[in-house]
């Protein structure tokens, strides 16, 4: 979840620094930016990170349903947790339906939504390529090997037990 929050906020910074236009709500665009970045990690990391975000979104959505009397949540700048949950799952399924084949069965992504997820992903990929990718130094990216930047290492020393 930490990676998702960091990348969500990075999305806000990228939009601001590069003056990237978006036609929807900025919070939704930042969510999509984060999911897109998570989907471009090594496959095992991608699955772990996306399902971590999905798990937390599912928990928040369940809490949301236990308190439906708070109408003010519908006026928030962020989508409801359940909507954010399904959007992340849809982007992941659209990017790699084999890696996230369990999205419809185990994670409850509705089949009606799943059939269009590939197009949702491609639409975001096109926007990213047209608006953001042009500013990326691809030679530097290749040297940094960011696909393994968020790799989980169980052998790493725990600083705060």
Protein backbone atom coordinates (compact mmCIF):
# COMPACT_ATOMS: atom_id res chain seq x y z
CA UNK A 1 0.00 0.00 0.00
CA UNK A 2 2.90 2.36 0.68
CA UNK A 3 4.00 2.07 -2.95
CA UNK A 4 0.47 2.88 -4.13
CA UNK A 5 0.23 5.99 -1.94
CA UNK A 6 3.70 7.13 -3.02
CA UNK A 7 2.91 6.62 -6.70
CA UNK A 8 -0.52 8.26 -6.35
CA UNK A 9 1.14 11.38 -4.92
CA UNK A 10 3.88 11.16 -7.55
CA UNK A 11 1.10 11.24 -10.14
CA UNK A 12 -0.12 14.56 -8.72
CA UNK A 13 3.44 15.92 -8.91
CA UNK A 14 3.94 14.71 -12.49
CA UNK A 15 0.66 16.29 -13.61
CA UNK A 16 1.63 19.56 -11.95
CA UNK A 17 5.27 19.72 -13.03
CA UNK A 18 4.59 18.72 -16.64
CA UNK A 19 1.25 20.54 -16.79
CA UNK A 20 -0.43 17.35 -17.94
CA UNK A 21 -4.11 17.87 -18.73
CA UNK A 22 -6.73 15.40 -17.57
CA UNK A 23 -10.40 15.43 -18.45
CA UNK A 24 -11.71 13.67 -15.35
CA UNK A 25 -11.08 14.20 -11.69
CA UNK A 26 -7.46 14.62 -10.65
CA UNK A 27 -7.75 12.01 -7.90
CA UNK A 28 -8.94 9.42 -10.41
CA UNK A 29 -6.06 10.30 -12.73
CA UNK A 30 -3.58 9.90 -9.84
CA UNK A 31 -5.08 6.50 -8.99
CA UNK A 32 -4.69 5.42 -12.62
CA UNK A 33 -1.10 6.70 -12.68
CA UNK A 34 -0.27 4.66 -9.60
CA UNK A 35 -1.86 1.48 -10.93
CA UNK A 36 -0.13 1.91 -14.29
CA UNK A 37 3.26 2.33 -12.62
CA UNK A 38 2.66 -0.73 -10.41
CA UNK A 39 1.77 -2.75 -13.50
CA UNK A 40 5.17 -2.02 -15.03
CA UNK A 41 7.19 -3.83 -12.39
CA UNK A 42 8.45 -7.40 -12.65
CA UNK A 43 5.45 -9.74 -12.91
CA UNK A 44 5.79 -11.28 -9.45
CA UNK A 45 6.11 -7.83 -7.89
CA UNK A 46 3.24 -6.50 -9.99
CA UNK A 47 0.88 -9.18 -8.78
CA UNK A 48 1.90 -8.76 -5.14
CA UNK A 49 1.61 -4.97 -5.24
CA UNK A 50 -1.69 -4.83 -7.13
CA UNK A 51 -3.31 -7.49 -4.95
CA UNK A 52 -2.11 -5.60 -1.88
CA UNK A 53 -3.87 -2.48 -3.12
CA UNK A 54 -6.92 -4.56 -4.02
CA UNK A 55 -7.02 -6.18 -0.58
CA UNK A 56 -6.94 -2.83 1.18
CA UNK A 57 -9.55 -1.46 -1.22
CA UNK A 58 -11.76 -4.44 -0.51
CA UNK A 59 -11.43 -3.87 3.24
CA UNK A 60 -12.28 -0.18 2.84
CA UNK A 61 -15.24 -1.02 0.61
CA UNK A 62 -16.61 -3.44 3.20
CA UNK A 63 -16.28 -0.77 5.90
CA UNK A 64 -18.03 1.67 3.57
CA UNK A 65 -21.02 -0.65 3.26
CA UNK A 66 -21.43 -0.88 7.03
CA UNK A 67 -21.99 2.87 7.27
CA UNK A 68 -24.12 3.82 4.23
CA UNK A 69 -25.81 6.72 6.05
CA UNK A 70 -22.87 9.06 5.47
CA UNK A 71 -24.06 10.78 2.30
CA UNK A 72 -21.14 13.20 2.44
CA UNK A 73 -18.82 10.45 1.17
CA UNK A 74 -20.48 10.82 -2.23
CA UNK A 75 -19.26 14.41 -2.43
CA UNK A 76 -15.61 13.62 -1.75
CA UNK A 77 -12.97 14.35 -4.41
CA UNK A 78 -11.89 10.69 -4.23
CA UNK A 79 -14.02 7.91 -5.62
CA UNK A 80 -15.58 5.60 -3.09
CA UNK A 81 -13.25 2.81 -1.91
CA UNK A 82 -15.28 0.18 -3.76
CA UNK A 83 -14.93 2.12 -7.03
CA UNK A 84 -11.19 2.56 -6.53
CA UNK A 85 -10.91 -1.16 -5.75
CA UNK A 86 -12.62 -2.21 -8.98
CA UNK A 87 -10.72 0.34 -11.06
CA UNK A 88 -7.37 -1.04 -9.91
CA UNK A 89 -8.50 -4.61 -10.55
CA UNK A 90 -9.80 -3.67 -13.99
CA UNK A 91 -6.58 -1.95 -14.99
CA UNK A 92 -4.56 -4.95 -13.80
CA UNK A 93 -6.82 -7.44 -15.58
CA UNK A 94 -6.74 -5.31 -18.72
CA UNK A 95 -2.94 -5.14 -18.66
CA UNK A 96 -2.40 -8.86 -18.12
CA UNK A 97 -5.48 -11.12 -18.03
CA UNK A 98 -3.30 -14.18 -17.49
CA UNK A 99 -1.47 -12.80 -14.46
CA UNK A 100 -4.75 -11.57 -12.98
CA UNK A 101 -6.98 -14.39 -14.23
CA UNK A 102 -8.45 -14.76 -10.74
CA UNK A 103 -9.75 -11.17 -10.71
CA UNK A 104 -13.27 -12.20 -11.68
CA UNK A 105 -13.49 -15.32 -9.55
CA UNK A 106 -11.52 -14.56 -6.39
CA UNK A 107 -11.56 -10.75 -6.39
CA UNK A 108 -15.15 -10.34 -7.66
CA UNK A 109 -14.46 -8.15 -10.69
CA UNK A 110 -17.80 -8.35 -12.54
CA UNK A 111 -17.60 -10.17 -15.87
CA UNK A 112 -19.45 -7.29 -17.55
CA UNK A 113 -16.68 -4.91 -16.47
CA UNK A 114 -13.86 -7.39 -17.13
CA UNK A 115 -14.70 -7.69 -20.81
CA UNK A 116 -13.87 -3.99 -21.30
CA UNK A 117 -10.83 -3.78 -19.02
CA UNK A 118 -8.37 -4.31 -21.85
CA UNK A 119 -9.78 -1.22 -23.58
CA UNK A 120 -9.65 0.80 -20.35
CA UNK A 121 -6.00 -0.17 -19.95
CA UNK A 122 -5.17 0.65 -23.58
CA UNK A 123 -6.88 4.03 -23.27
CA UNK A 124 -4.74 4.89 -20.26
CA UNK A 125 -1.60 3.54 -21.92
CA UNK A 126 -2.26 5.74 -24.97
CA UNK A 127 -2.71 8.82 -22.76
CA UNK A 128 0.44 8.01 -20.79
CA UNK A 129 2.48 7.53 -23.96
CA UNK A 130 1.17 10.75 -25.51
CA UNK A 131 1.42 12.98 -22.44
CA UNK A 132 4.08 11.63 -20.07
CA UNK A 133 6.35 9.15 -21.84
CA UNK A 134 7.76 11.90 -24.07
CA UNK A 135 9.47 13.38 -20.98
CA UNK A 136 11.10 10.14 -19.83
CA UNK A 137 14.83 9.60 -20.32
CA UNK A 138 14.66 5.97 -21.47
CA UNK A 139 18.44 5.47 -21.40
CA UNK A 140 18.50 6.45 -17.72
CA UNK A 141 15.50 4.22 -17.00
CA UNK A 142 17.32 1.29 -18.58
CA UNK A 143 20.33 1.88 -16.33
CA UNK A 144 18.20 2.08 -13.19
CA UNK A 145 16.22 -1.10 -13.93
CA UNK A 146 13.06 0.16 -12.18
CA UNK A 147 11.16 -3.09 -12.76
CA UNK A 148 12.86 -4.41 -9.63
CA UNK A 149 12.67 -1.15 -7.67
CA UNK A 150 9.82 -2.38 -5.48
CA UNK A 151 10.96 -5.98 -5.17
CA UNK A 152 10.21 -7.71 -1.88
CA UNK A 153 13.29 -9.15 -0.27
CA UNK A 154 12.47 -11.42 2.71
CA UNK A 155 16.20 -11.63 3.48
CA UNK A 156 16.46 -7.88 4.06
CA UNK A 157 17.33 -6.68 7.55
CA UNK A 158 14.31 -5.41 9.45
CA UNK A 159 15.08 -1.97 10.80
CA UNK A 160 12.05 -1.63 13.02
CA UNK A 161 11.06 -4.96 14.62
